[in-house]
Amino acid sequence: MKNRLLNALVAILLTISATLVIWQGSFSFGDFKPAVEQTLVFFSISLLIFLLTVTLGFMLFRILMKIWMDRRDG
């Protein structure tokens, strides 16, 4: 039961992270040129979202591989 809850939580967080990455990529500034501070904030947020997505993806992959190995071994 605990593993299923963890798997569901990781899958939900990965989905949210992927949605945020796609949403952030759709930003259009048009003629607006952001200040250096704003650029750094956007870069920091992008980096944080990317690292969260990679971490959650790795966790989900590891969990799925562990489940696959357990089922294969019986």
PDB file of N, CA and C in Angstrom:
ATOM      1  N   MET A   1       0.823  -1.199   0.000  1.00  0.00           N
ATOM      2  CA  MET A   1       0.000   0.000   0.000  1.00  0.00           C
ATOM      3  C   MET A   1       0.863   1.256   0.000  1.00  0.00           C
ATOM      4  N   LYS A   2       1.924   1.234   0.802  1.00  0.00           N
ATOM      5  CA  LYS A   2       2.804   2.393   0.893  1.00  0.00           C
ATOM      6  C   LYS A   2       3.521   2.655  -0.428  1.00  0.00           C
ATOM      7  N   ASN A   3       3.950   1.576  -1.111  1.00  0.00           N
ATOM      8  CA  ASN A   3       4.631   1.729  -2.389  1.00  0.00           C
ATOM      9  C   ASN A   3       3.703   2.303  -3.455  1.00  0.00           C
ATOM     10  N   ARG A   4       2.452   1.865  -3.447  1.00  0.00           N
ATOM     11  CA  ARG A   4       1.499   2.394  -4.436  1.00  0.00           C
ATOM     12  C   ARG A   4       1.247   3.880  -4.209  1.00  0.00           C
ATOM     13  N   LEU A   5       1.164   4.272  -2.946  1.00  0.00           N
ATOM     14  CA  LEU A   5       0.964   5.683  -2.630  1.00  0.00           C
ATOM     15  C   LEU A   5       2.166   6.504  -3.064  1.00  0.00           C
ATOM     16  N   LEU A   6       3.367   5.982  -2.815  1.00  0.00           N
ATOM     17  CA  LEU A   6       4.579   6.669  -3.236  1.00  0.00           C
ATOM     18  C   LEU A   6       4.655   6.766  -4.750  1.00  0.00           C
ATOM     19  N   ASN A   7       4.324   5.675  -5.440  1.00  0.00           N
ATOM     20  CA  ASN A   7       4.318   5.690  -6.906  1.00  0.00           C
ATOM     21  C   ASN A   7       3.335   6.716  -7.452  1.00  0.00           C
ATOM     22  N   ALA A   8       2.154   6.769  -6.875  1.00  0.00           N
ATOM     23  CA  ALA A   8       1.145   7.725  -7.327  1.00  0.00           C
ATOM     24  C   ALA A   8       1.608   9.152  -7.070  1.00  0.00           C
ATOM     25  N   LEU A   9       2.210   9.397  -5.922  1.00  0.00           N
ATOM     26  CA  LEU A   9       2.695  10.736  -5.589  1.00  0.00           C
ATOM     27  C   LEU A   9       3.795  11.173  -6.546  1.00  0.00           C
ATOM     28  N   VAL A  10       4.733  10.286  -6.830  1.00  0.00           N
ATOM     29  CA  VAL A  10       5.817  10.612  -7.758  1.00  0.00           C
ATOM     30  C   VAL A  10       5.261  10.878  -9.150  1.00  0.00           C
ATOM     31  N   ALA A  11       4.310  10.059  -9.600  1.00  0.00           N
ATOM     32  CA  ALA A  11       3.720  10.255 -10.926  1.00  0.00           C
ATOM     33  C   ALA A  11       2.975  11.592 -11.005  1.00  0.00           C
ATOM     34  N   ILE A  12       2.258  11.937  -9.963  1.00  0.00           N
ATOM     35  CA  ILE A  12       1.529  13.217  -9.943  1.00  0.00           C
ATOM     36  C   ILE A  12       2.498  14.385  -9.967  1.00  0.00           C
ATOM     37  N   LEU A  13       3.542  14.326  -9.147  1.00  0.00           N
ATOM     38  CA  LEU A  13       4.525  15.415  -9.118  1.00  0.00           C
ATOM     39  C   LEU A  13       5.271  15.536 -10.442  1.00  0.00           C
ATOM     40  N   LEU A  14       5.571  14.404 -11.076  1.00  0.00           N
ATOM     41  CA  LEU A  14       6.226  14.450 -12.379  1.00  0.00           C
ATOM     42  C   LEU A  14       5.308  15.073 -13.426  1.00  0.00           C
ATOM     43  N   THR A  15       4.039  14.749 -13.383  1.00  0.00           N
ATOM     44  CA  THR A  15       3.076  15.334 -14.317  1.00  0.00           C
ATOM     45  C   THR A  15       2.958  16.841 -14.109  1.00  0.00           C
ATOM     46  N   ILE A  16       2.893  17.254 -12.856  1.00  0.00           N
ATOM     47  CA  ILE A  16       2.822  18.692 -12.555  1.00  0.00           C
ATOM     48  C   ILE A  16       4.077  19.398 -13.038  1.00  0.00           C
ATOM     49  N   SER A  17       5.237  18.803 -12.800  1.00  0.00           N
ATOM     50  CA  SER A  17       6.495  19.413 -13.238  1.00  0.00           C
ATOM     51  C   SER A  17       6.559  19.534 -14.759  1.00  0.00           C
ATOM     52  N   ALA A  18       6.168  18.476 -15.454  1.00  0.00           N
ATOM     53  CA  ALA A  18       6.174  18.520 -16.914  1.00  0.00           C
ATOM     54  C   ALA A  18       5.200  19.582 -17.429  1.00  0.00           C
ATOM     55  N   THR A  19       4.049  19.696 -16.791  1.00  0.00           N
ATOM     56  CA  THR A  19       3.078  20.726 -17.170  1.00  0.00           C
ATOM     57  C   THR A  19       3.656  22.120 -16.971  1.00  0.00           C
ATOM     58  N   LEU A  20       4.359  22.327 -15.874  1.00  0.00           N
ATOM     59  CA  LEU A  20       4.976  23.626 -15.623  1.00  0.00           C
ATOM     60  C   LEU A  20       6.049  23.951 -16.649  1.00  0.00           C
ATOM     61  N   VAL A  21       6.832  22.956 -17.060  1.00  0.00           N
ATOM     62  CA  VAL A  21       7.861  23.189 -18.073  1.00  0.00           C
ATOM     63  C   VAL A  21       7.216  23.591 -19.393  1.00  0.00           C
ATOM     64  N   ILE A  22       6.173  22.893 -19.791  1.00  0.00           N
ATOM     65  CA  ILE A  22       5.480  23.224 -21.044  1.00  0.00           C
ATOM     66  C   ILE A  22       4.840  24.601 -20.948  1.00  0.00           C
ATOM     67  N   TRP A  23       4.209  24.895 -19.819  1.00  0.00           N
ATOM     68  CA  TRP A  23       3.557  26.191 -19.633  1.00  0.00           C
ATOM     69  C   TRP A  23       4.572  27.319 -19.655  1.00  0.00           C
ATOM     70  N   GLN A  24       5.705  27.110 -19.001  1.00  0.00           N
ATOM     71  CA  GLN A  24       6.724  28.151 -18.958  1.00  0.00           C
ATOM     72  C   GLN A  24       7.318  28.394 -20.347  1.00  0.00           C
ATOM     73  N   GLY A  25       7.411  27.355 -21.157  1.00  0.00           N
ATOM     74  CA  GLY A  25       7.930  27.507 -22.508  1.00  0.00           C
ATOM     75  C   GLY A  25       7.005  28.294 -23.411  1.00  0.00           C
ATOM     76  N   SER A  26       5.765  28.470 -23.018  1.00  0.00           N
ATOM     77  CA  SER A  26       4.813  29.203 -23.846  1.00  0.00           C
ATOM     78  C   SER A  26       4.799  30.698 -23.551  1.00  0.00           C
ATOM     79  N   PHE A  27       5.648  31.153 -22.630  1.00  0.00           N
ATOM     80  CA  PHE A  27       5.716  32.588 -22.341  1.00  0.00           C
ATOM     81  C   PHE A  27       6.177  33.340 -23.579  1.00  0.00           C
ATOM     82  N   SER A  28       5.518  34.436 -23.866  1.00  0.00           N
ATOM     83  CA  SER A  28       5.911  35.297 -24.981  1.00  0.00           C
ATOM     84  C   SER A  28       5.997  36.727 -24.463  1.00  0.00           C
ATOM     85  N   PHE A  29       7.184  37.294 -24.564  1.00  0.00           N
ATOM     86  CA  PHE A  29       7.390  38.640 -24.048  1.00  0.00           C
ATOM     87  C   PHE A  29       7.099  39.719 -25.090  1.00  0.00           C
ATOM     88  N   GLY A  30       7.025  39.336 -26.352  1.00  0.00           N
ATOM     89  CA  GLY A  30       6.767  40.320 -27.402  1.00  0.00           C
ATOM     90  C   GLY A  30       7.898  41.328 -27.474  1.00  0.00           C
ATOM     91  N   ASP A  31       7.560  42.615 -27.439  1.00  0.00           N
ATOM     92  CA  ASP A  31       8.573  43.675 -27.499  1.00  0.00           C
ATOM     93  C   ASP A  31       9.169  43.978 -26.129  1.00  0.00           C
ATOM     94  N   PHE A  32       8.638  43.376 -25.111  1.00  0.00           N
ATOM     95  CA  PHE A  32       9.110  43.622 -23.750  1.00  0.00           C
ATOM     96  C   PHE A  32      10.478  42.982 -23.549  1.00  0.00           C
ATOM     97  N   LYS A  33      11.425  43.754 -23.055  1.00  0.00           N
ATOM     98  CA  LYS A  33      12.758  43.251 -22.738  1.00  0.00           C
ATOM     99  C   LYS A  33      12.900  43.229 -21.227  1.00  0.00           C
ATOM    100  N   PRO A  34      12.934  42.044 -20.622  1.00  0.00           N
ATOM    101  CA  PRO A  34      13.014  41.970 -19.161  1.00  0.00           C
ATOM    102  C   PRO A  34      14.346  42.483 -18.638  1.00  0.00           C
ATOM    103  N   ALA A  35      14.319  43.006 -17.429  1.00  0.00           N
ATOM    104  CA  ALA A  35      15.530  43.496 -16.780  1.00  0.00           C
ATOM    105  C   ALA A  35      16.402  42.301 -16.387  1.00  0.00           C
ATOM    106  N   VAL A  36      17.641  42.595 -16.033  1.00  0.00           N
ATOM    107  CA  VAL A  36      18.580  41.537 -15.666  1.00  0.00           C
ATOM    108  C   VAL A  36      18.057  40.738 -14.476  1.00  0.00           C
ATOM    109  N   GLU A  37      17.476  41.419 -13.489  1.00  0.00           N
ATOM    110  CA  GLU A  37      16.951  40.729 -12.304  1.00  0.00           C
ATOM    111  C   GLU A  37      15.818  39.777 -12.681  1.00  0.00           C
ATOM    112  N   GLN A  38      14.960  40.229 -13.580  1.00  0.00           N
ATOM    113  CA  GLN A  38      13.856  39.380 -14.012  1.00  0.00           C
ATOM    114  C   GLN A  38      14.366  38.171 -14.789  1.00  0.00           C
ATOM    115  N   THR A  39      15.404  38.388 -15.595  1.00  0.00           N
ATOM    116  CA  THR A  39      15.991  37.284 -16.336  1.00  0.00           C
ATOM    117  C   THR A  39      16.572  36.249 -15.379  1.00  0.00           C
ATOM    118  N   LEU A  40      17.240  36.724 -14.334  1.00  0.00           N
ATOM    119  CA  LEU A  40      17.797  35.800 -13.350  1.00  0.00           C
ATOM    120  C   LEU A  40      16.703  35.032 -12.610  1.00  0.00           C
ATOM    121  N   VAL A  41      15.602  35.698 -12.319  1.00  0.00           N
ATOM    122  CA  VAL A  41      14.482  35.022 -11.657  1.00  0.00           C
ATOM    123  C   VAL A  41      13.899  33.955 -12.577  1.00  0.00           C
ATOM    124  N   PHE A  42      13.682  34.292 -13.839  1.00  0.00           N
ATOM    125  CA  PHE A  42      13.153  33.319 -14.794  1.00  0.00           C
ATOM    126  C   PHE A  42      14.110  32.144 -14.954  1.00  0.00           C
ATOM    127  N   PHE A  43      15.406  32.434 -15.016  1.00  0.00           N
ATOM    128  CA  PHE A  43      16.399  31.368 -15.145  1.00  0.00           C
ATOM    129  C   PHE A  43      16.382  30.469 -13.913  1.00  0.00           C
ATOM    130  N   SER A  44      16.301  31.061 -12.738  1.00  0.00           N
ATOM    131  CA  SER A  44      16.277  30.288 -11.490  1.00  0.00           C
ATOM    132  C   SER A  44      15.051  29.388 -11.417  1.00  0.00           C
ATOM    133  N   ILE A  45      13.900  29.935 -11.779  1.00  0.00           N
ATOM    134  CA  ILE A  45      12.672  29.139 -11.777  1.00  0.00           C
ATOM    135  C   ILE A  45      12.767  28.007 -12.793  1.00  0.00           C
ATOM    136  N   SER A  46      13.305  28.305 -13.970  1.00  0.00           N
ATOM    137  CA  SER A  46      13.468  27.280 -14.998  1.00  0.00           C
ATOM    138  C   SER A  46      14.393  26.168 -14.517  1.00  0.00           C
ATOM    139  N   LEU A  47      15.486  26.546 -13.892  1.00  0.00           N
ATOM    140  CA  LEU A  47      16.435  25.561 -13.390  1.00  0.00           C
ATOM    141  C   LEU A  47      15.812  24.705 -12.295  1.00  0.00           C
ATOM    142  N   LEU A  48      15.075  25.327 -11.409  1.00  0.00           N
ATOM    143  CA  LEU A  48      14.415  24.588 -10.334  1.00  0.00           C
ATOM    144  C   LEU A  48      13.398  23.585 -10.885  1.00  0.00           C
ATOM    145  N   ILE A  49      12.594  24.021 -11.834  1.00  0.00           N
ATOM    146  CA  ILE A  49      11.605  23.134 -12.438  1.00  0.00           C
ATOM    147  C   ILE A  49      12.294  21.991 -13.176  1.00  0.00           C
ATOM    148  N   PHE A  50      13.357  22.293 -13.903  1.00  0.00           N
ATOM    149  CA  PHE A  50      14.090  21.260 -14.625  1.00  0.00           C
ATOM    150  C   PHE A  50      14.675  20.228 -13.669  1.00  0.00           C
ATOM    151  N   LEU A  51      15.333  20.685 -12.605  1.00  0.00           N
ATOM    152  CA  LEU A  51      15.929  19.762 -11.642  1.00  0.00           C
ATOM    153  C   LEU A  51      14.867  18.909 -10.948  1.00  0.00           C
ATOM    154  N   LEU A  52      13.727  19.515 -10.619  1.00  0.00           N
ATOM    155  CA  LEU A  52      12.635  18.765 -10.004  1.00  0.00           C
ATOM    156  C   LEU A  52      12.101  17.696 -10.959  1.00  0.00           C
ATOM    157  N   THR A  53      11.958  18.056 -12.221  1.00  0.00           N
ATOM    158  CA  THR A  53      11.463  17.101 -13.213  1.00  0.00           C
ATOM    159  C   THR A  53      12.435  15.940 -13.398  1.00  0.00           C
ATOM    160  N   VAL A  54      13.721  16.244 -13.497  1.00  0.00           N
ATOM    161  CA  VAL A  54      14.726  15.188 -13.667  1.00  0.00           C
ATOM    162  C   VAL A  54      14.763  14.287 -12.433  1.00  0.00           C
ATOM    163  N   THR A  55      14.720  14.880 -11.250  1.00  0.00           N
ATOM    164  CA  THR A  55      14.753  14.096 -10.009  1.00  0.00           C
ATOM    165  C   THR A  55      13.542  13.188  -9.901  1.00  0.00           C
ATOM    166  N   LEU A  56      12.365  13.726 -10.140  1.00  0.00           N
ATOM    167  CA  LEU A  56      11.149  12.912 -10.056  1.00  0.00           C
ATOM    168  C   LEU A  56      11.121  11.843 -11.144  1.00  0.00           C
ATOM    169  N   GLY A  57      11.612  12.176 -12.330  1.00  0.00           N
ATOM    170  CA  GLY A  57      11.687  11.186 -13.398  1.00  0.00           C
ATOM    171  C   GLY A  57      12.619  10.043 -13.031  1.00  0.00           C
ATOM    172  N   PHE A  58      13.753  10.374 -12.428  1.00  0.00           N
ATOM    173  CA  PHE A  58      14.680   9.337 -11.981  1.00  0.00           C
ATOM    174  C   PHE A  58      14.052   8.470 -10.900  1.00  0.00           C
ATOM    175  N   MET A  59      13.361   9.111  -9.951  1.00  0.00           N
ATOM    176  CA  MET A  59      12.706   8.342  -8.885  1.00  0.00           C
ATOM    177  C   MET A  59      11.652   7.398  -9.456  1.00  0.00           C
ATOM    178  N   LEU A  60      10.850   7.890 -10.389  1.00  0.00           N
ATOM    179  CA  LEU A  60       9.818   7.058 -10.996  1.00  0.00           C
ATOM    180  C   LEU A  60      10.440   5.907 -11.776  1.00  0.00           C
ATOM    181  N   PHE A  61      11.502   6.172 -12.516  1.00  0.00           N
ATOM    182  CA  PHE A  61      12.198   5.134 -13.265  1.00  0.00           C
ATOM    183  C   PHE A  61      12.749   4.070 -12.321  1.00  0.00           C
ATOM    184  N   ARG A  62      13.353   4.506 -11.231  1.00  0.00           N
ATOM    185  CA  ARG A  62      13.918   3.577 -10.249  1.00  0.00           C
ATOM    186  C   ARG A  62      12.834   2.696  -9.615  1.00  0.00           C
ATOM    187  N   ILE A  63      11.718   3.309  -9.276  1.00  0.00           N
ATOM    188  CA  ILE A  63      10.613   2.559  -8.682  1.00  0.00           C
ATOM    189  C   ILE A  63      10.052   1.547  -9.681  1.00  0.00           C
ATOM    190  N   LEU A  64       9.871   1.972 -10.921  1.00  0.00           N
ATOM    191  CA  LEU A  64       9.345   1.064 -11.935  1.00  0.00           C
ATOM    192  C   LEU A  64      10.310  -0.090 -12.209  1.00  0.00           C
ATOM    193  N   MET A  65      11.609   0.190 -12.228  1.00  0.00           N
ATOM    194  CA  MET A  65      12.589  -0.875 -12.426  1.00  0.00           C
ATOM    195  C   MET A  65      12.582  -1.848 -11.255  1.00  0.00           C
ATOM    196  N   LYS A  66      12.427  -1.336 -10.045  1.00  0.00           N
ATOM    197  CA  LYS A  66      12.382  -2.191  -8.864  1.00  0.00           C
ATOM    198  C   LYS A  66      11.143  -3.099  -8.911  1.00  0.00           C
ATOM    199  N   ILE A  67      10.005  -2.537  -9.294  1.00  0.00           N
ATOM    200  CA  ILE A  67       8.780  -3.334  -9.421  1.00  0.00           C
ATOM    201  C   ILE A  67       8.947  -4.393 -10.491  1.00  0.00           C
ATOM    202  N   TRP A  68       9.518  -4.021 -11.616  1.00  0.00           N
ATOM    203  CA  TRP A  68       9.727  -4.960 -12.714  1.00  0.00           C
ATOM    204  C   TRP A  68      10.644  -6.102 -12.286  1.00  0.00           C
ATOM    205  N   MET A  69      11.735  -5.783 -11.573  1.00  0.00           N
ATOM    206  CA  MET A  69      12.668  -6.809 -11.106  1.00  0.00           C
ATOM    207  C   MET A  69      12.003  -7.736 -10.083  1.00  0.00           C
ATOM    208  N   ASP A  70      11.200  -7.178  -9.182  1.00  0.00           N
ATOM    209  CA  ASP A  70      10.500  -7.992  -8.188  1.00  0.00           C
ATOM    210  C   ASP A  70       9.509  -8.943  -8.844  1.00  0.00           C
ATOM    211  N   ARG A  71       8.781  -8.462  -9.813  1.00  0.00           N
ATOM    212  CA  ARG A  71       7.797  -9.318 -10.510  1.00  0.00           C
ATOM    213  C   ARG A  71       8.489 -10.389 -11.341  1.00  0.00           C
ATOM    214  N   ARG A  72       9.623 -10.042 -11.924  1.00  0.00           N
ATOM    215  CA  ARG A  72      10.354 -10.994 -12.736  1.00  0.00           C
ATOM    216  C   ARG A  72      10.937 -12.128 -11.886  1.00  0.00           C
ATOM    217  N   ASP A  73      11.400 -11.750 -10.676  1.00  0.00           N
ATOM    218  CA  ASP A  73      11.962 -12.745  -9.766  1.00  0.00           C
ATOM    219  C   ASP A  73      10.893 -13.585  -9.078  1.00  0.00           C
ATOM    220  N   GLY A  74       9.693 -13.130  -9.121  1.00  0.00           N
ATOM    221  CA  GLY A  74       8.585 -13.918  -8.552  1.00  0.00           C
ATOM    222  C   GLY A  74       8.239 -13.366  -7.230  1.00  0.00           C
TER     223      GLY A  74
END
